[in-house]
Amino acid sequence: MFELSIFSLDAVLNFGLKMLAFLGGLAALIFVHELGHFLVARKVGVVVEKFSLGFGPKILSFTRGGTEYLLSWVPLGGYVKMKGEEVGEESADEKGSFSAAPVLDRLAIAFAGPLFNILFAIAIYYCVYLVGVPALSPIVGTVKDESPALAAGLQTGDRILAIDNEKILYWEQLQKIVHVSPGHSLDFQVERSSGSIAHVSITPISEQITDLFGDKEDVGLIGITPLVRNIVYVKEGTPADRAGIQEGDVLLGVDSTTIFGWGDLKKAAIDKPGQALAFRILRDGTEIVTALTPEAKIVKDIEGKSTEVGLLGIGMAGEMTKEKYGIFGALKRACEETNRLIYLIAVSIKKMITGSISADSIGGPILIFQIYGEQAEQGFSELTRLTALLSINLGLLNLLPIPVLDGGHIFFFLIELLKGKPISERNRERAQQVGLFMLLSLMVFAFYNDIMRIIT
């Protein structure tokens, strides 16, 4: 008799949750992008014949206002079909046709999709910061030897209340002030573990650090890291899970190393794949010692270099507080965060094109599905912020000057503005064929990377 019990109910429900999160997020990104094209096209008088969420055979459809709205079977995309949009279409010169519209109108229609993705990200972050998002409290963990912080008397467990009379609520605030203040004396108001308040003067020194992309930059540093040792996530089936570590535990130490943050854990465990280690855990006021052997795993850095590390399967955080703003403060913070991510993604794309970042980091739908599933397990706030990040990513990628993408159309329209006449149909057809080939090749490569990640 055929046995169905190889799939547990929990596994099926977990997969269903991940799939729902993935499809819901993807549908939202596509809908917003195509809505931008749709609204601007209608605004400038271009007839929209079809508005589809998904590709392939339709699941359901209805027609309203001269536009057929469709939900199609393949959820990995969507499209807006405008009158006279295709090369050689018979209605190209008729009223309400995309091709017959002024070039500035066509430019606006092409740009509207990516723009709406950016605006969607701002809207998400606005709601997130209105409600409040978890942020790391400014509590000192490790104080490095021979550092300005140690010389000034900062201690593990100190809470930074203010710097130069500016109230400090989050670790990120502290970090920003210190980074831009090398050589300048700063007055730190500190709450000790005993509850007493002290003022210490610290002058950050200029040091070179490596950013996310491996580039060097000079910033101010005082030699402290945040106190991060609360276990907030344990991945199923990993060494931490098998060792009995639970969410809510506090990681006190590994062997003889006291853990105050990720830097300590990296030296004590992550850099020791395959070695049997003793993890000291605090659980409900009781100290527990458990054996854990980090699982050896080969990972690649941003330059594509392979390194063997010890996989633990835990997520750690420090004491968290809520980063929350009022109506106008949330808008300002949302714009700042969106602007920061636009810069990071734009630099990533540039470095990937120039070869500074390995092409192995390119991911496709399988990777997005995995990330959405992990973020769904972390909570709704993490899921919405991931959607905002992917929305910015989708908007910027669509601005690349590749025929078939919005950026390719924008490039053609800019040439038309300069020349005073459109590019010939023959040249547009050739360009679109090249663009389609490039896009399909990129999709195949992304799928290949996704599959290789699963295999390895």
Protein backbone atom coordinates (compact mmCIF):
# COMPACT_ATOMS: atom_id res chain seq x y z
CA MET A 1 0.00 0.00 0.00
CA PHE A 2 1.31 3.47 -0.93
CA GLU A 3 2.47 5.37 2.16
CA LEU A 4 1.76 9.11 2.32
CA SER A 5 3.18 9.63 5.79
CA ILE A 6 6.67 10.44 4.45
CA PHE A 7 5.39 14.03 4.42
CA SER A 8 4.48 15.22 7.92
CA LEU A 9 1.60 17.62 8.39
CA ASP A 10 4.00 20.21 9.83
CA ALA A 11 6.24 19.96 6.75
CA VAL A 12 3.28 20.37 4.39
CA LEU A 13 1.95 23.37 6.35
CA ASN A 14 5.42 24.92 6.50
CA PHE A 15 5.87 24.54 2.74
CA GLY A 16 2.40 25.96 2.17
CA LEU A 17 3.21 29.01 4.32
CA LYS A 18 6.42 29.63 2.38
CA MET A 19 4.66 29.23 -0.97
CA LEU A 20 1.86 31.59 0.09
CA ALA A 21 4.40 34.20 1.22
CA PHE A 22 6.38 33.83 -2.01
CA LEU A 23 3.38 34.06 -4.35
CA GLY A 24 1.78 36.87 -2.35
CA GLY A 25 4.97 38.94 -2.35
CA LEU A 26 5.65 38.28 -6.03
CA ALA A 27 2.07 39.16 -7.01
CA ALA A 28 2.29 42.43 -5.06
CA LEU A 29 5.55 43.45 -6.78
CA ILE A 30 4.25 42.64 -10.26
CA PHE A 31 0.85 44.26 -9.66
CA VAL A 32 2.44 47.53 -8.47
CA HIS A 33 4.89 47.60 -11.40
CA GLU A 34 2.24 46.99 -14.04
CA LEU A 35 -0.17 49.35 -12.27
CA GLY A 36 2.35 52.14 -12.87
CA HIS A 37 2.38 51.47 -16.62
CA PHE A 38 -1.41 51.10 -16.66
CA LEU A 39 -2.29 54.33 -14.81
CA VAL A 40 0.11 56.55 -16.74
CA ALA A 41 -0.97 55.02 -20.08
CA ARG A 42 -4.62 55.74 -19.25
CA LYS A 43 -3.68 59.24 -18.07
CA VAL A 44 -2.03 60.18 -21.39
CA GLY A 45 -4.82 58.64 -23.47
CA VAL A 46 -3.22 55.37 -24.57
CA VAL A 47 -5.68 52.46 -24.78
CA VAL A 48 -4.78 49.53 -22.53
CA GLU A 49 -6.13 46.33 -24.08
CA LYS A 50 -4.98 43.85 -21.41
CA PHE A 51 -3.75 43.97 -17.81
CA SER A 52 -2.49 40.52 -16.77
CA LEU A 53 -1.11 39.23 -13.51
CA GLY A 54 0.93 36.20 -14.57
CA PHE A 55 1.65 34.64 -17.96
CA GLY A 56 0.21 31.78 -20.00
CA PRO A 57 -3.36 30.50 -20.09
CA LYS A 58 -5.84 32.61 -18.15
CA ILE A 59 -7.48 31.38 -14.96
CA LEU A 60 -10.15 34.05 -15.00
CA SER A 61 -10.77 37.39 -16.70
CA PHE A 62 -13.26 40.22 -17.01
CA THR A 63 -13.49 43.32 -19.21
CA ARG A 64 -14.15 46.81 -17.93
CA GLY A 65 -13.61 50.21 -19.55
CA GLY A 66 -12.23 48.62 -22.70
CA THR A 67 -9.51 46.73 -20.79
CA GLU A 68 -9.43 42.97 -20.24
CA TYR A 69 -8.15 42.11 -16.76
CA LEU A 70 -6.60 38.63 -16.45
CA LEU A 71 -5.22 36.31 -13.83
CA SER A 72 -2.96 33.76 -15.57
CA TRP A 73 -1.49 30.41 -14.56
CA VAL A 74 2.25 31.23 -14.53
CA PRO A 75 2.77 33.64 -11.58
CA LEU A 76 6.37 34.62 -12.44
CA GLY A 77 5.52 37.92 -14.10
CA GLY A 78 2.77 39.99 -15.65
CA TYR A 79 2.17 42.50 -18.41
CA VAL A 80 0.17 45.45 -19.69
CA LYS A 81 -0.75 45.19 -23.38
CA MET A 82 -1.34 48.59 -25.00
CA LYS A 83 -2.87 49.34 -28.37
CA GLY A 84 -0.23 49.64 -31.11
CA GLU A 85 2.59 48.63 -28.78
CA GLU A 86 4.03 45.76 -30.82
CA VAL A 87 6.37 46.40 -33.73
CA GLY A 88 4.44 46.26 -37.02
CA GLU A 89 1.02 46.23 -35.37
CA GLU A 90 -1.75 47.45 -37.71
CA SER A 91 -3.23 49.89 -35.18
CA ALA A 92 0.14 51.57 -34.56
CA ASP A 93 -0.88 54.89 -36.14
CA GLU A 94 -4.45 55.04 -34.81
CA LYS A 95 -5.70 57.36 -32.08
CA GLY A 96 -5.09 55.93 -28.61
CA SER A 97 -2.16 53.88 -29.89
CA PHE A 98 1.07 53.65 -27.89
CA SER A 99 3.21 54.15 -31.00
CA ALA A 100 1.25 57.26 -32.04
CA ALA A 101 1.60 58.90 -28.59
CA PRO A 102 4.16 61.73 -28.16
CA VAL A 103 7.60 60.45 -27.23
CA LEU A 104 7.47 62.11 -23.79
CA ASP A 105 4.22 60.26 -23.04
CA ARG A 106 5.79 56.95 -24.05
CA LEU A 107 8.83 57.78 -21.93
CA ALA A 108 6.55 58.46 -18.93
CA ILE A 109 4.69 55.17 -19.44
CA ALA A 110 7.95 53.17 -19.57
CA PHE A 111 9.38 54.91 -16.50
CA ALA A 112 6.18 54.58 -14.44
CA GLY A 113 6.64 50.85 -13.69
CA PRO A 114 10.05 51.18 -11.97
CA LEU A 115 8.92 54.43 -10.31
CA PHE A 116 5.89 52.73 -8.77
CA ASN A 117 8.16 49.98 -7.40
CA ILE A 118 10.26 52.62 -5.63
CA LEU A 119 7.15 54.40 -4.32
CA PHE A 120 5.77 51.04 -3.14
CA ALA A 121 8.96 50.48 -1.12
CA ILE A 122 8.61 53.93 0.47
CA ALA A 123 4.96 53.17 1.33
CA ILE A 124 5.95 49.86 2.96
CA TYR A 125 8.72 51.45 5.02
CA TYR A 126 6.39 54.31 5.98
CA CYS A 127 3.91 51.83 7.46
CA VAL A 128 6.71 49.84 9.09
CA TYR A 129 8.17 52.89 10.85
CA LEU A 130 4.73 54.14 11.86
CA VAL A 131 3.98 50.83 13.59
CA GLY A 132 7.54 50.36 14.80
CA VAL A 133 10.32 48.02 13.80
CA PRO A 134 12.73 46.11 16.09
CA ALA A 135 16.07 47.89 16.49
CA LEU A 136 19.19 46.98 18.46
CA SER A 137 19.59 48.83 21.76
CA PRO A 138 22.88 50.73 22.33
CA ILE A 139 24.35 48.34 24.93
CA VAL A 140 28.10 47.71 24.86
CA GLY A 141 29.28 44.13 24.34
CA THR A 142 32.98 43.71 23.58
CA VAL A 143 35.42 46.52 24.42
CA LYS A 144 38.56 45.97 22.37
CA ASP A 145 42.06 46.12 23.84
CA GLU A 146 44.01 49.36 23.36
CA SER A 147 40.91 51.15 22.08
CA PRO A 148 39.64 54.68 22.87
CA ALA A 149 36.59 53.11 24.56
CA LEU A 150 38.76 51.01 26.91
CA ALA A 151 40.99 54.00 27.72
CA ALA A 152 37.87 56.03 28.57
CA GLY A 153 36.57 53.30 30.88
CA LEU A 154 33.61 51.92 28.88
CA GLN A 155 32.55 48.48 30.11
CA THR A 156 30.56 45.52 28.85
CA GLY A 157 26.90 46.09 29.72
CA ASP A 158 27.09 49.90 29.60
CA ARG A 159 24.06 51.49 27.95
CA ILE A 160 24.78 54.61 25.88
CA LEU A 161 22.09 57.18 26.70
CA ALA A 162 23.37 60.21 24.75
CA ILE A 163 26.31 61.53 22.74
CA ASP A 164 26.96 65.29 22.96
CA ASN A 165 23.44 65.72 24.41
CA GLU A 166 21.84 63.92 21.42
CA LYS A 167 19.62 61.13 22.78
CA ILE A 168 20.67 57.67 21.59
CA LEU A 169 17.90 55.08 21.27
CA TYR A 170 19.38 52.64 18.74
CA TRP A 171 22.84 51.21 18.06
CA GLU A 172 22.69 52.48 14.47
CA GLN A 173 22.47 56.09 15.75
CA LEU A 174 25.60 55.59 17.85
CA GLN A 175 27.43 54.03 14.91
CA LYS A 176 26.58 56.89 12.51
CA ILE A 177 27.78 59.60 14.93
CA VAL A 178 31.06 57.79 15.70
CA HIS A 179 31.78 57.02 12.03
CA VAL A 180 31.65 60.69 11.00
CA SER A 181 33.61 61.99 14.03
CA PRO A 182 37.24 60.80 13.76
CA GLY A 183 39.50 63.07 15.79
CA HIS A 184 36.59 64.86 17.53
CA SER A 185 36.05 64.46 21.27
CA LEU A 186 32.55 63.19 22.06
CA ASP A 187 30.77 63.29 25.42
CA PHE A 188 29.13 59.90 26.12
CA GLN A 189 26.39 59.73 28.75
CA VAL A 190 26.47 56.15 30.02
CA GLU A 191 24.24 54.09 32.30
CA ARG A 192 26.25 51.45 34.15
CA SER A 193 24.97 47.96 34.96
CA SER A 194 24.58 49.17 38.56
CA GLY A 195 22.19 51.91 37.43
CA SER A 196 24.57 54.83 38.02
CA ILE A 197 25.05 57.49 35.32
CA ALA A 198 28.51 58.53 34.12
CA HIS A 199 29.93 60.93 31.53
CA VAL A 200 33.01 59.82 29.60
CA SER A 201 34.90 61.67 26.88
CA ILE A 202 35.94 59.53 23.90
CA THR A 203 37.74 60.60 20.72
CA PRO A 204 37.15 58.21 17.79
CA ILE A 205 40.27 57.28 15.83
CA SER A 206 40.28 57.05 12.05
CA GLU A 207 40.52 53.46 10.84
CA GLN A 208 40.02 51.72 7.53
CA ILE A 209 37.16 49.25 7.34
CA THR A 210 35.80 47.03 4.57
CA ASP A 211 32.25 47.72 3.44
CA LEU A 212 29.66 45.25 2.10
CA PHE A 213 31.31 45.23 -1.32
CA GLY A 214 34.88 44.71 -0.15
CA ASP A 215 35.83 48.37 -0.70
CA LYS A 216 37.94 50.23 1.86
CA GLU A 217 36.74 53.37 3.61
CA ASP A 218 38.04 55.50 6.48
CA VAL A 219 35.65 55.99 9.42
CA GLY A 220 35.79 56.91 13.08
CA LEU A 221 35.88 53.97 15.52
CA ILE A 222 36.10 53.70 19.32
CA GLY A 223 36.54 49.91 19.62
CA ILE A 224 33.18 48.56 20.80
CA THR A 225 30.64 46.07 19.49
CA PRO A 226 26.98 45.65 20.56
CA LEU A 227 25.97 43.08 23.17
CA VAL A 228 24.40 40.35 21.03
CA ARG A 229 23.91 36.89 22.51
CA ASN A 230 20.16 36.21 22.79
CA ILE A 231 19.09 33.22 20.66
CA VAL A 232 16.12 34.40 18.60
CA TYR A 233 16.06 31.74 15.88
CA VAL A 234 17.06 28.08 15.62
CA LYS A 235 16.86 26.50 12.18
CA GLU A 236 15.36 23.02 12.10
CA GLY A 237 17.78 20.15 11.43
CA THR A 238 20.95 22.18 12.09
CA PRO A 239 23.67 21.43 14.68
CA ALA A 240 22.11 23.95 17.10
CA ASP A 241 18.72 22.25 16.80
CA ARG A 242 20.24 18.80 17.37
CA ALA A 243 22.16 20.13 20.38
CA GLY A 244 18.90 21.19 22.00
CA ILE A 245 19.45 24.96 21.81
CA GLN A 246 16.14 26.83 21.95
CA GLU A 247 14.81 30.26 21.11
CA GLY A 248 15.01 32.42 24.24
CA ASP A 249 18.33 30.94 25.38
CA VAL A 250 21.25 33.27 26.12
CA LEU A 251 24.63 32.14 24.75
CA LEU A 252 27.15 32.79 27.54
CA GLY A 253 30.22 31.17 26.07
CA VAL A 254 31.85 28.57 23.84
CA ASP A 255 34.59 26.51 25.54
CA SER A 256 36.71 29.13 27.35
CA THR A 257 35.52 32.10 25.22
CA THR A 258 32.87 34.41 26.68
CA ILE A 259 30.39 35.48 24.02
CA PHE A 260 29.39 39.13 23.79
CA GLY A 261 28.60 39.26 20.06
CA TRP A 262 29.03 37.74 16.59
CA GLY A 263 32.74 38.55 16.52
CA ASP A 264 33.34 36.36 19.57
CA LEU A 265 31.14 33.57 18.17
CA LYS A 266 32.97 33.66 14.84
CA LYS A 267 36.35 33.08 16.48
CA ALA A 268 35.03 30.53 18.97
CA ALA A 269 32.80 28.39 16.70
CA ILE A 270 32.13 29.58 13.14
CA ASP A 271 35.86 29.45 12.33
CA LYS A 272 36.07 25.90 13.79
CA PRO A 273 34.08 23.61 11.44
CA GLY A 274 33.93 19.98 12.52
CA GLN A 275 35.35 20.59 16.02
CA ALA A 276 33.42 19.40 19.09
CA LEU A 277 32.68 22.45 21.26
CA ALA A 278 30.98 23.08 24.59
CA PHE A 279 28.27 25.74 24.43
CA ARG A 280 27.31 27.37 27.73
CA ILE A 281 23.65 28.42 27.65
CA LEU A 282 21.53 30.37 30.14
CA ARG A 283 17.92 29.13 30.13
CA ASP A 284 15.33 30.41 32.62
CA GLY A 285 18.07 31.38 35.07
CA THR A 286 19.86 28.02 34.86
CA GLU A 287 23.22 27.57 33.14
CA ILE A 288 23.38 24.56 30.79
CA VAL A 289 26.37 23.10 28.95
CA THR A 290 25.66 21.30 25.65
CA ALA A 291 27.98 19.74 23.07
CA LEU A 292 27.79 21.14 19.54
CA THR A 293 29.91 20.42 16.48
CA PRO A 294 29.67 23.13 13.76
CA GLU A 295 28.81 21.59 10.41
CA ALA A 296 31.50 22.20 7.78
CA LYS A 297 30.14 24.21 4.87
CA ILE A 298 31.80 25.87 1.88
CA VAL A 299 30.60 29.42 1.30
CA LYS A 300 31.64 32.07 -1.21
CA ASP A 301 32.37 35.67 -0.34
CA ILE A 302 31.33 38.66 -2.46
CA GLU A 303 34.38 38.14 -4.71
CA GLY A 304 33.52 34.48 -5.29
CA LYS A 305 36.32 33.07 -3.10
CA SER A 306 35.45 29.82 -1.32
CA THR A 307 35.90 29.50 2.44
CA GLU A 308 35.05 26.67 4.83
CA VAL A 309 33.02 27.79 7.84
CA GLY A 310 31.17 26.13 10.69
CA LEU A 311 27.40 26.20 10.27
CA LEU A 312 25.51 26.51 13.58
CA GLY A 313 21.92 27.29 12.56
CA ILE A 314 21.13 30.07 15.01
CA GLY A 315 20.11 33.70 14.86
CA MET A 316 21.26 36.02 17.65
CA ALA A 317 20.13 39.47 18.71
CA GLY A 318 20.76 41.87 21.53
CA GLU A 319 18.22 43.70 23.63
CA MET A 320 15.73 45.08 21.15
CA THR A 321 13.68 48.25 21.23
CA LYS A 322 11.10 49.67 18.80
CA GLU A 323 12.22 52.19 16.22
CA LYS A 324 9.01 54.15 15.79
CA TYR A 325 8.17 57.60 14.41
CA GLY A 326 5.24 59.96 13.97
CA ILE A 327 3.49 60.81 10.68
CA PHE A 328 6.23 63.03 9.26
CA GLY A 329 9.17 61.32 10.95
CA ALA A 330 8.13 57.95 9.49
CA LEU A 331 8.03 59.45 5.97
CA LYS A 332 11.51 60.95 6.39
CA ARG A 333 12.89 57.67 7.74
CA ALA A 334 11.18 55.66 4.96
CA CYS A 335 12.76 57.89 2.29
CA GLU A 336 16.19 57.58 3.97
CA GLU A 337 15.98 53.78 4.08
CA THR A 338 14.76 53.56 0.47
CA ASN A 339 17.53 55.89 -0.67
CA ARG A 340 20.12 53.79 1.19
CA LEU A 341 18.91 50.57 -0.45
CA ILE A 342 18.77 52.19 -3.91
CA TYR A 343 22.43 53.09 -3.50
CA LEU A 344 23.44 49.62 -2.26
CA ILE A 345 21.54 47.78 -5.00
CA ALA A 346 22.80 50.14 -7.72
CA VAL A 347 26.41 49.61 -6.58
CA SER A 348 25.81 45.83 -6.47
CA ILE A 349 24.48 45.82 -10.03
CA LYS A 350 27.40 47.94 -11.23
CA LYS A 351 29.97 45.68 -9.55
CA MET A 352 28.27 42.56 -10.91
CA ILE A 353 28.41 43.98 -14.45
CA THR A 354 32.08 44.93 -14.07
CA GLY A 355 32.90 41.55 -12.51
CA SER A 356 33.86 42.87 -9.05
CA ILE A 357 31.08 40.72 -7.57
CA SER A 358 30.88 37.07 -8.55
CA ALA A 359 28.02 36.14 -10.89
CA ASP A 360 27.41 33.16 -8.58
CA SER A 361 25.53 35.54 -6.29
CA ILE A 362 22.78 36.00 -8.91
CA GLY A 363 19.61 34.25 -7.76
CA GLY A 364 16.31 33.34 -9.36
CA PRO A 365 12.81 32.35 -8.25
CA ILE A 366 14.02 29.39 -6.16
CA LEU A 367 16.32 31.61 -4.07
CA ILE A 368 13.57 34.23 -3.68
CA PHE A 369 11.19 31.45 -2.56
CA GLN A 370 13.72 30.25 0.03
CA ILE A 371 14.32 33.77 1.37
CA TYR A 372 10.60 34.54 1.51
CA GLY A 373 10.04 31.31 3.43
CA GLU A 374 12.75 32.14 5.96
CA GLN A 375 11.45 35.69 6.44
CA ALA A 376 7.88 34.39 6.84
CA GLU A 377 9.13 32.32 9.78
CA GLN A 378 10.73 35.44 11.28
CA GLY A 379 7.46 37.40 11.26
CA PHE A 380 5.30 39.77 9.24
CA SER A 381 7.60 42.77 9.78
CA GLU A 382 10.57 40.94 8.24
CA LEU A 383 8.41 39.74 5.35
CA THR A 384 7.17 43.24 4.48
CA ARG A 385 10.68 44.70 4.62
CA LEU A 386 11.93 41.96 2.28
CA THR A 387 9.09 42.86 -0.12
CA ALA A 388 10.21 46.50 -0.03
CA LEU A 389 13.81 45.47 -0.78
CA LEU A 390 12.74 43.27 -3.71
CA SER A 391 10.49 46.04 -5.02
CA ILE A 392 13.47 48.42 -5.19
CA ASN A 393 15.53 45.65 -6.79
CA LEU A 394 12.85 45.02 -9.42
CA GLY A 395 12.53 48.73 -10.19
CA LEU A 396 16.27 49.26 -10.65
CA LEU A 397 16.79 46.08 -12.71
CA ASN A 398 14.02 47.19 -15.05
CA LEU A 399 15.88 50.46 -15.66
CA LEU A 400 18.86 48.63 -17.17
CA PRO A 401 19.19 49.65 -20.87
CA ILE A 402 18.38 46.17 -22.15
CA PRO A 403 15.81 45.89 -24.96
CA VAL A 404 12.59 44.22 -23.74
CA LEU A 405 13.06 45.79 -20.27
CA ASP A 406 11.66 49.25 -19.45
CA GLY A 407 15.19 50.65 -19.46
CA GLY A 408 15.65 49.52 -23.06
CA HIS A 409 12.45 51.31 -24.13
CA ILE A 410 13.53 54.44 -22.23
CA PHE A 411 16.90 54.31 -24.01
CA PHE A 412 15.18 54.13 -27.42
CA PHE A 413 12.86 57.02 -26.55
CA LEU A 414 15.79 59.19 -25.44
CA ILE A 415 17.51 58.49 -28.78
CA GLU A 416 14.26 59.45 -30.52
CA LEU A 417 14.19 62.74 -28.59
CA LEU A 418 17.76 63.51 -29.67
CA LYS A 419 17.33 62.46 -33.33
CA GLY A 420 13.83 63.84 -33.74
CA LYS A 421 12.57 60.55 -35.21
CA PRO A 422 12.01 57.01 -33.91
CA ILE A 423 14.41 54.12 -34.46
CA SER A 424 13.43 52.04 -37.47
CA GLU A 425 11.19 49.00 -36.96
CA ARG A 426 13.90 46.68 -38.28
CA ASN A 427 16.49 47.93 -35.77
CA ARG A 428 13.95 47.73 -32.94
CA GLU A 429 13.11 44.15 -33.86
CA ARG A 430 16.78 43.18 -33.87
CA ALA A 431 17.38 44.92 -30.55
CA GLN A 432 14.38 43.19 -28.97
CA GLN A 433 15.62 39.80 -30.18
CA VAL A 434 19.03 40.48 -28.61
CA GLY A 435 17.36 41.73 -25.41
CA LEU A 436 15.12 38.66 -25.23
CA PHE A 437 18.12 36.38 -25.67
CA MET A 438 20.00 38.23 -22.91
CA LEU A 439 17.00 38.04 -20.58
CA LEU A 440 16.40 34.33 -21.19
CA SER A 441 20.12 33.60 -20.72
CA LEU A 442 20.08 35.48 -17.41
CA MET A 443 17.01 33.54 -16.27
CA VAL A 444 18.61 30.20 -17.16
CA PHE A 445 21.80 31.22 -15.35
CA ALA A 446 19.82 32.29 -12.26
CA PHE A 447 17.96 28.96 -12.22
CA TYR A 448 21.30 27.15 -12.59
CA ASN A 449 22.73 29.04 -9.60
CA ASP A 450 19.61 28.25 -7.56
CA ILE A 451 19.88 24.53 -8.32
CA MET A 452 23.62 24.46 -7.58
CA ARG A 453 23.00 26.12 -4.19
CA ILE A 454 20.53 23.35 -3.34
CA ILE A 455 22.90 20.60 -4.51
CA THR A 456 25.95 21.99 -2.67
